């Protein structure tokens, strides 16, 4: 999704990843035990946060992200198998 270099809103992530991972309606309707957030949206948000923390995404504005220069270099390097914030 981010390899296009465009800015993507968080709200766009959810539908796109639900389609790409072929989530069924029951999976998309499942809430966390707290009942306040959908499980799949929580997982997508966690992944986005991790990618931001390791420097693969940059936040352009609130709720809008794009791939960083570091993210592009990592995507183009097939030898990288794990990331840490200091890589």
Protein backbone atom coordinates (compact mmCIF):
# COMPACT_ATOMS: atom_id res chain seq x y z
CA UNK A 1 0.00 0.00 0.00
CA UNK A 2 2.69 2.51 0.96
CA UNK A 3 5.16 1.59 -1.75
CA UNK A 4 3.37 4.02 -4.08
CA UNK A 5 4.85 6.94 -2.11
CA UNK A 6 1.43 8.57 -1.71
CA UNK A 7 -0.13 9.83 1.50
CA UNK A 8 -2.69 7.40 2.94
CA UNK A 9 -5.25 8.13 5.63
CA UNK A 10 -5.65 5.71 8.50
CA UNK A 11 -9.33 5.32 7.64
CA UNK A 12 -8.32 4.00 4.20
CA UNK A 13 -6.11 1.28 5.72
CA UNK A 14 -8.95 -0.63 7.31
CA UNK A 15 -11.05 -1.42 4.26
CA UNK A 16 -8.06 -2.07 2.04
CA UNK A 17 -6.37 -4.51 4.41
CA UNK A 18 -9.66 -6.23 5.23
CA UNK A 19 -10.06 -6.91 1.49
CA UNK A 20 -6.43 -7.90 0.93
CA UNK A 21 -6.53 -10.39 3.81
CA UNK A 22 -9.99 -11.65 2.81
CA UNK A 23 -11.55 -11.03 6.20
CA UNK A 24 -15.06 -12.37 6.48
CA UNK A 25 -17.89 -10.33 8.00
CA UNK A 26 -17.63 -12.15 11.33
CA UNK A 27 -13.94 -11.23 11.61
CA UNK A 28 -14.66 -7.60 10.75
CA UNK A 29 -17.40 -7.48 13.41
CA UNK A 30 -15.32 -8.90 16.29
CA UNK A 31 -14.60 -6.46 19.13
CA UNK A 32 -11.82 -6.46 21.69
CA UNK A 33 -12.90 -7.67 25.15
CA UNK A 34 -13.35 -4.03 26.20
CA UNK A 35 -16.03 -3.72 23.51
CA UNK A 36 -14.64 -0.36 22.39
CA UNK A 37 -12.67 -1.25 19.24
CA UNK A 38 -12.81 -3.78 16.43
CA UNK A 39 -10.02 -6.36 16.65
CA UNK A 40 -8.87 -6.00 13.04
CA UNK A 41 -8.67 -2.22 13.32
CA UNK A 42 -6.68 -2.56 16.52
CA UNK A 43 -4.19 -4.90 14.81
CA UNK A 44 -3.82 -2.61 11.80
CA UNK A 45 -3.26 0.35 14.11
CA UNK A 46 -0.59 -1.56 16.02
CA UNK A 47 1.22 -2.45 12.79
CA UNK A 48 1.08 1.17 11.63
CA UNK A 49 2.47 2.36 14.96
CA UNK A 50 5.34 -0.13 14.79
CA UNK A 51 6.20 0.87 11.20
CA UNK A 52 6.20 4.52 12.29
CA UNK A 53 8.40 3.82 15.34
CA UNK A 54 11.04 1.99 13.29
CA UNK A 55 11.07 4.85 10.79
CA UNK A 56 9.45 3.14 7.82
CA UNK A 57 6.49 5.52 7.78
CA UNK A 58 6.34 9.24 8.33
CA UNK A 59 3.30 11.05 9.62
CA UNK A 60 2.33 13.82 7.22
CA UNK A 61 -0.57 15.08 9.34
CA UNK A 62 -2.86 13.63 11.95
CA UNK A 63 -4.12 10.29 10.64
CA UNK A 64 -2.13 10.48 7.39
CA UNK A 65 1.07 8.57 6.63
CA UNK A 66 3.44 7.91 3.77
CA UNK A 67 6.48 5.73 3.32
CA UNK A 68 9.74 7.31 4.46
CA UNK A 69 13.07 7.29 2.66
CA UNK A 70 14.16 4.61 5.14
CA UNK A 71 11.05 2.60 4.33
CA UNK A 72 11.79 2.77 0.61
CA UNK A 73 15.39 1.65 1.12
CA UNK A 74 14.26 -1.26 3.29
CA UNK A 75 11.64 -2.35 0.75
CA UNK A 76 14.28 -2.37 -1.96
CA UNK A 77 16.70 -4.50 0.09
CA UNK A 78 15.71 -8.20 -0.01
CA UNK A 79 18.36 -9.10 2.60
CA UNK A 80 16.64 -7.37 5.53
CA UNK A 81 14.66 -9.84 7.62
CA UNK A 82 14.21 -7.99 10.94
CA UNK A 83 14.06 -4.37 12.05
CA UNK A 84 14.92 -2.53 15.22
CA UNK A 85 14.60 1.21 15.85
CA UNK A 86 18.40 1.58 15.53
CA UNK A 87 18.86 -0.19 12.16
